[in-house]
Amino acid sequence: MAQPSKKAASADNQQERLRMGWWISGFTDGEGCFSVSVIRNSTTKSGKQIFPEFVITQSAKSLFA
């Protein structure tokens, strides 16, 4: 007996991941920030430290919305 095809389930999963990806992109665009800071640090060889940061924030009132 032939095994059932997993393509249909796999296609559904790919569509769900695509929708989730767009949602995350939109949320990050609206609520997120990416920055790179260069900080003086005498303990490093170059005397500087690079500090990349990715942050998503919301206000406290969004906790219960």
PDB file of N, CA and C in Angstrom:
ATOM      1  N   MET A   1       0.853  -1.177   0.000  1.00  0.00           N
ATOM      2  CA  MET A   1       0.000   0.000   0.000  1.00  0.00           C
ATOM      3  C   MET A   1       0.896   1.237   0.000  1.00  0.00           C
ATOM      4  N   ALA A   2       0.564   2.200  -0.792  1.00  0.00           N
ATOM      5  CA  ALA A   2       1.366   3.418  -0.917  1.00  0.00           C
ATOM      6  C   ALA A   2       1.192   4.308   0.310  1.00  0.00           C
ATOM      7  N   GLN A   3       2.268   4.987   0.666  1.00  0.00           N
ATOM      8  CA  GLN A   3       2.221   5.922   1.796  1.00  0.00           C
ATOM      9  C   GLN A   3       1.462   7.188   1.393  1.00  0.00           C
ATOM     10  N   PRO A   4       0.676   7.773   2.288  1.00  0.00           N
ATOM     11  CA  PRO A   4      -0.025   9.013   1.952  1.00  0.00           C
ATOM     12  C   PRO A   4       0.985  10.144   1.729  1.00  0.00           C
ATOM     13  N   SER A   5       0.665  11.014   0.814  1.00  0.00           N
ATOM     14  CA  SER A   5       1.551  12.136   0.489  1.00  0.00           C
ATOM     15  C   SER A   5       1.548  13.150   1.626  1.00  0.00           C
ATOM     16  N   LYS A   6       2.726  13.637   1.961  1.00  0.00           N
ATOM     17  CA  LYS A   6       2.833  14.666   2.999  1.00  0.00           C
ATOM     18  C   LYS A   6       2.888  16.057   2.390  1.00  0.00           C
ATOM     19  N   LYS A   7       2.785  16.153   1.066  1.00  0.00           N
ATOM     20  CA  LYS A   7       2.900  17.441   0.397  1.00  0.00           C
ATOM     21  C   LYS A   7       1.798  18.405   0.808  1.00  0.00           C
ATOM     22  N   ALA A   8       0.556  17.921   0.950  1.00  0.00           N
ATOM     23  CA  ALA A   8      -0.548  18.803   1.308  1.00  0.00           C
ATOM     24  C   ALA A   8      -0.304  19.418   2.688  1.00  0.00           C
ATOM     25  N   ALA A   9       0.067  18.609   3.657  1.00  0.00           N
ATOM     26  CA  ALA A   9       0.337  19.122   5.004  1.00  0.00           C
ATOM     27  C   ALA A   9       1.542  20.053   4.992  1.00  0.00           C
ATOM     28  N   SER A  10       2.540  19.680   4.217  1.00  0.00           N
ATOM     29  CA  SER A  10       3.740  20.503   4.137  1.00  0.00           C
ATOM     30  C   SER A  10       3.426  21.863   3.527  1.00  0.00           C
ATOM     31  N   ALA A  11       2.585  21.891   2.501  1.00  0.00           N
ATOM     32  CA  ALA A  11       2.208  23.153   1.859  1.00  0.00           C
ATOM     33  C   ALA A  11       1.441  24.035   2.837  1.00  0.00           C
ATOM     34  N   ASP A  12       0.532  23.438   3.617  1.00  0.00           N
ATOM     35  CA  ASP A  12      -0.199  24.210   4.621  1.00  0.00           C
ATOM     36  C   ASP A  12       0.759  24.816   5.630  1.00  0.00           C
ATOM     37  N   ASN A  13       1.739  24.039   6.067  1.00  0.00           N
ATOM     38  CA  ASN A  13       2.711  24.506   7.043  1.00  0.00           C
ATOM     39  C   ASN A  13       3.525  25.669   6.470  1.00  0.00           C
ATOM     40  N   GLN A  14       3.906  25.588   5.212  1.00  0.00           N
ATOM     41  CA  GLN A  14       4.667  26.664   4.576  1.00  0.00           C
ATOM     42  C   GLN A  14       3.841  27.933   4.498  1.00  0.00           C
ATOM     43  N   GLN A  15       2.562  27.808   4.183  1.00  0.00           N
ATOM     44  CA  GLN A  15       1.690  28.983   4.119  1.00  0.00           C
ATOM     45  C   GLN A  15       1.550  29.620   5.498  1.00  0.00           C
ATOM     46  N   GLU A  16       1.419  28.788   6.526  1.00  0.00           N
ATOM     47  CA  GLU A  16       1.304  29.311   7.893  1.00  0.00           C
ATOM     48  C   GLU A  16       2.577  30.041   8.298  1.00  0.00           C
ATOM     49  N   ARG A  17       3.744  29.473   7.964  1.00  0.00           N
ATOM     50  CA  ARG A  17       5.011  30.132   8.278  1.00  0.00           C
ATOM     51  C   ARG A  17       5.132  31.447   7.535  1.00  0.00           C
ATOM     52  N   LEU A  18       4.666  31.491   6.285  1.00  0.00           N
ATOM     53  CA  LEU A  18       4.724  32.719   5.503  1.00  0.00           C
ATOM     54  C   LEU A  18       3.854  33.796   6.146  1.00  0.00           C
ATOM     55  N   ARG A  19       2.639  33.433   6.557  1.00  0.00           N
ATOM     56  CA  ARG A  19       1.756  34.407   7.226  1.00  0.00           C
ATOM     57  C   ARG A  19       2.383  34.890   8.528  1.00  0.00           C
ATOM     58  N   MET A  20       2.979  33.985   9.298  1.00  0.00           N
ATOM     59  CA  MET A  20       3.608  34.365  10.559  1.00  0.00           C
ATOM     60  C   MET A  20       4.794  35.286  10.286  1.00  0.00           C
ATOM     61  N   GLY A  21       5.548  34.994   9.243  1.00  0.00           N
ATOM     62  CA  GLY A  21       6.689  35.840   8.877  1.00  0.00           C
ATOM     63  C   GLY A  21       6.268  37.259   8.553  1.00  0.00           C
ATOM     64  N   TRP A  22       5.180  37.403   7.796  1.00  0.00           N
ATOM     65  CA  TRP A  22       4.677  38.747   7.470  1.00  0.00           C
ATOM     66  C   TRP A  22       4.190  39.453   8.729  1.00  0.00           C
ATOM     67  N   TRP A  23       3.527  38.727   9.627  1.00  0.00           N
ATOM     68  CA  TRP A  23       3.033  39.329  10.866  1.00  0.00           C
ATOM     69  C   TRP A  23       4.206  39.835  11.703  1.00  0.00           C
ATOM     70  N   ILE A  24       5.245  39.010  11.844  1.00  0.00           N
ATOM     71  CA  ILE A  24       6.422  39.408  12.624  1.00  0.00           C
ATOM     72  C   ILE A  24       7.100  40.607  11.981  1.00  0.00           C
ATOM     73  N   SER A  25       7.204  40.613  10.651  1.00  0.00           N
ATOM     74  CA  SER A  25       7.814  41.755   9.951  1.00  0.00           C
ATOM     75  C   SER A  25       7.039  43.033  10.206  1.00  0.00           C
ATOM     76  N   GLY A  26       5.721  42.964  10.112  1.00  0.00           N
ATOM     77  CA  GLY A  26       4.891  44.147  10.340  1.00  0.00           C
ATOM     78  C   GLY A  26       4.963  44.627  11.778  1.00  0.00           C
ATOM     79  N   PHE A  27       4.912  43.700  12.713  1.00  0.00           N
ATOM     80  CA  PHE A  27       4.995  44.061  14.135  1.00  0.00           C
ATOM     81  C   PHE A  27       6.332  44.723  14.445  1.00  0.00           C
ATOM     82  N   THR A  28       7.402  44.148  13.915  1.00  0.00           N
ATOM     83  CA  THR A  28       8.737  44.704  14.135  1.00  0.00           C
ATOM     84  C   THR A  28       8.858  46.081  13.499  1.00  0.00           C
ATOM     85  N   ASP A  29       8.297  46.256  12.319  1.00  0.00           N
ATOM     86  CA  ASP A  29       8.343  47.547  11.640  1.00  0.00           C
ATOM     87  C   ASP A  29       7.641  48.619  12.467  1.00  0.00           C
ATOM     88  N   GLY A  30       6.539  48.251  13.092  1.00  0.00           N
ATOM     89  CA  GLY A  30       5.782  49.221  13.882  1.00  0.00           C
ATOM     90  C   GLY A  30       6.316  49.429  15.283  1.00  0.00           C
ATOM     91  N   GLU A  31       6.844  48.409  15.904  1.00  0.00           N
ATOM     92  CA  GLU A  31       7.215  48.472  17.319  1.00  0.00           C
ATOM     93  C   GLU A  31       8.697  48.239  17.584  1.00  0.00           C
ATOM     94  N   GLY A  32       9.480  47.956  16.551  1.00  0.00           N
ATOM     95  CA  GLY A  32      10.868  47.553  16.769  1.00  0.00           C
ATOM     96  C   GLY A  32      11.889  48.609  16.406  1.00  0.00           C
ATOM     97  N   CYS A  33      13.106  48.361  16.859  1.00  0.00           N
ATOM     98  CA  CYS A  33      14.220  49.264  16.600  1.00  0.00           C
ATOM     99  C   CYS A  33      15.510  48.444  16.544  1.00  0.00           C
ATOM    100  N   PHE A  34      16.351  48.750  15.581  1.00  0.00           N
ATOM    101  CA  PHE A  34      17.672  48.142  15.499  1.00  0.00           C
ATOM    102  C   PHE A  34      18.678  49.264  15.497  1.00  0.00           C
ATOM    103  N   SER A  35      19.654  49.192  16.369  1.00  0.00           N
ATOM    104  CA  SER A  35      20.684  50.231  16.416  1.00  0.00           C
ATOM    105  C   SER A  35      22.047  49.604  16.662  1.00  0.00           C
ATOM    106  N   VAL A  36      23.079  50.331  16.259  1.00  0.00           N
ATOM    107  CA  VAL A  36      24.452  49.909  16.484  1.00  0.00           C
ATOM    108  C   VAL A  36      25.177  51.085  17.123  1.00  0.00           C
ATOM    109  N   SER A  37      25.697  50.882  18.315  1.00  0.00           N
ATOM    110  CA  SER A  37      26.431  51.921  19.036  1.00  0.00           C
ATOM    111  C   SER A  37      27.904  51.556  19.079  1.00  0.00           C
ATOM    112  N   VAL A  38      28.744  52.571  19.009  1.00  0.00           N
ATOM    113  CA  VAL A  38      30.183  52.382  19.184  1.00  0.00           C
ATOM    114  C   VAL A  38      30.543  53.080  20.494  1.00  0.00           C
ATOM    115  N   ILE A  39      31.072  52.302  21.438  1.00  0.00           N
ATOM    116  CA  ILE A  39      31.345  52.794  22.790  1.00  0.00           C
ATOM    117  C   ILE A  39      32.842  52.720  23.057  1.00  0.00           C
ATOM    118  N   ARG A  40      33.384  53.751  23.694  1.00  0.00           N
ATOM    119  CA  ARG A  40      34.794  53.706  24.095  1.00  0.00           C
ATOM    120  C   ARG A  40      34.963  52.668  25.194  1.00  0.00           C
ATOM    121  N   ASN A  41      35.994  51.832  25.038  1.00  0.00           N
ATOM    122  CA  ASN A  41      36.261  50.800  26.028  1.00  0.00           C
ATOM    123  C   ASN A  41      37.769  50.567  26.053  1.00  0.00           C
ATOM    124  N   SER A  42      38.395  51.019  27.089  1.00  0.00           N
ATOM    125  CA  SER A  42      39.856  50.943  27.170  1.00  0.00           C
ATOM    126  C   SER A  42      40.376  49.518  27.348  1.00  0.00           C
ATOM    127  N   THR A  43      39.511  48.579  27.675  1.00  0.00           N
ATOM    128  CA  THR A  43      39.956  47.195  27.872  1.00  0.00           C
ATOM    129  C   THR A  43      40.030  46.407  26.563  1.00  0.00           C
ATOM    130  N   THR A  44      39.535  46.972  25.464  1.00  0.00           N
ATOM    131  CA  THR A  44      39.606  46.278  24.182  1.00  0.00           C
ATOM    132  C   THR A  44      40.834  46.727  23.399  1.00  0.00           C
ATOM    133  N   LYS A  45      41.247  45.921  22.461  1.00  0.00           N
ATOM    134  CA  LYS A  45      42.447  46.198  21.666  1.00  0.00           C
ATOM    135  C   LYS A  45      42.314  47.496  20.872  1.00  0.00           C
ATOM    136  N   SER A  46      41.137  47.737  20.300  1.00  0.00           N
ATOM    137  CA  SER A  46      40.927  48.938  19.482  1.00  0.00           C
ATOM    138  C   SER A  46      40.516  50.156  20.315  1.00  0.00           C
ATOM    139  N   GLY A  47      40.174  49.930  21.573  1.00  0.00           N
ATOM    140  CA  GLY A  47      39.704  51.035  22.419  1.00  0.00           C
ATOM    141  C   GLY A  47      38.233  51.343  22.214  1.00  0.00           C
ATOM    142  N   LYS A  48      37.565  50.544  21.396  1.00  0.00           N
ATOM    143  CA  LYS A  48      36.138  50.737  21.125  1.00  0.00           C
ATOM    144  C   LYS A  48      35.421  49.400  21.184  1.00  0.00           C
ATOM    145  N   GLN A  49      34.147  49.478  21.460  1.00  0.00           N
ATOM    146  CA  GLN A  49      33.316  48.278  21.496  1.00  0.00           C
ATOM    147  C   GLN A  49      32.073  48.542  20.658  1.00  0.00           C
ATOM    148  N   ILE A  50      31.717  47.590  19.818  1.00  0.00           N
ATOM    149  CA  ILE A  50      30.513  47.719  19.001  1.00  0.00           C
ATOM    150  C   ILE A  50      29.377  47.001  19.717  1.00  0.00           C
ATOM    151  N   PHE A  51      28.254  47.700  19.839  1.00  0.00           N
ATOM    152  CA  PHE A  51      27.121  47.180  20.590  1.00  0.00           C
ATOM    153  C   PHE A  51      25.869  47.172  19.710  1.00  0.00           C
ATOM    154  N   PRO A  52      25.606  46.057  18.986  1.00  0.00           N
ATOM    155  CA  PRO A  52      24.369  45.976  18.202  1.00  0.00           C
ATOM    156  C   PRO A  52      23.198  45.636  19.125  1.00  0.00           C
ATOM    157  N   GLU A  53      22.036  46.224  18.843  1.00  0.00           N
ATOM    158  CA  GLU A  53      20.878  45.995  19.702  1.00  0.00           C
ATOM    159  C   GLU A  53      19.606  45.938  18.869  1.00  0.00           C
ATOM    160  N   PHE A  54      18.773  44.959  19.148  1.00  0.00           N
ATOM    161  CA  PHE A  54      17.467  44.819  18.513  1.00  0.00           C
ATOM    162  C   PHE A  54      16.426  44.781  19.626  1.00  0.00           C
ATOM    163  N   VAL A  55      15.458  45.688  19.573  1.00  0.00           N
ATOM    164  CA  VAL A  55      14.477  45.809  20.651  1.00  0.00           C
ATOM    165  C   VAL A  55      13.078  45.939  20.070  1.00  0.00           C
ATOM    166  N   ILE A  56      12.129  45.255  20.675  1.00  0.00           N
ATOM    167  CA  ILE A  56      10.711  45.454  20.377  1.00  0.00           C
ATOM    168  C   ILE A  56      10.051  45.843  21.694  1.00  0.00           C
ATOM    169  N   THR A  57       9.358  46.968  21.697  1.00  0.00           N
ATOM    170  CA  THR A  57       8.708  47.431  22.922  1.00  0.00           C
ATOM    171  C   THR A  57       7.243  47.756  22.661  1.00  0.00           C
ATOM    172  N   GLN A  58       6.472  47.696  23.713  1.00  0.00           N
ATOM    173  CA  GLN A  58       5.087  48.151  23.699  1.00  0.00           C
ATOM    174  C   GLN A  58       4.805  48.799  25.036  1.00  0.00           C
ATOM    175  N   SER A  59       3.772  49.624  25.072  1.00  0.00           N
ATOM    176  CA  SER A  59       3.417  50.274  26.328  1.00  0.00           C
ATOM    177  C   SER A  59       2.713  49.295  27.259  1.00  0.00           C
ATOM    178  N   ALA A  60       2.626  49.652  28.512  1.00  0.00           N
ATOM    179  CA  ALA A  60       2.004  48.776  29.519  1.00  0.00           C
ATOM    180  C   ALA A  60       0.529  48.524  29.210  1.00  0.00           C
ATOM    181  N   LYS A  61      -0.156  49.482  28.613  1.00  0.00           N
ATOM    182  CA  LYS A  61      -1.587  49.288  28.319  1.00  0.00           C
ATOM    183  C   LYS A  61      -1.811  48.184  27.275  1.00  0.00           C
ATOM    184  N   SER A  62      -0.775  47.850  26.499  1.00  0.00           N
ATOM    185  CA  SER A  62      -0.904  46.786  25.497  1.00  0.00           C
ATOM    186  C   SER A  62      -0.946  45.402  26.124  1.00  0.00           C
ATOM    187  N   LEU A  63      -0.556  45.273  27.383  1.00  0.00           N
ATOM    188  CA  LEU A  63      -0.568  43.971  28.058  1.00  0.00           C
ATOM    189  C   LEU A  63      -1.974  43.388  28.158  1.00  0.00           C
ATOM    190  N   PHE A  64      -2.968  44.246  28.264  1.00  0.00           N
ATOM    191  CA  PHE A  64      -4.333  43.765  28.494  1.00  0.00           C
ATOM    192  C   PHE A  64      -5.226  43.993  27.304  1.00  0.00           C
ATOM    193  N   ALA A  65      -4.690  44.401  26.188  1.00  0.00           N
ATOM    194  CA  ALA A  65      -5.512  44.674  25.003  1.00  0.00           C
ATOM    195  C   ALA A  65      -5.846  43.413  24.262  1.00  0.00           C
TER     196      ALA A  65
END
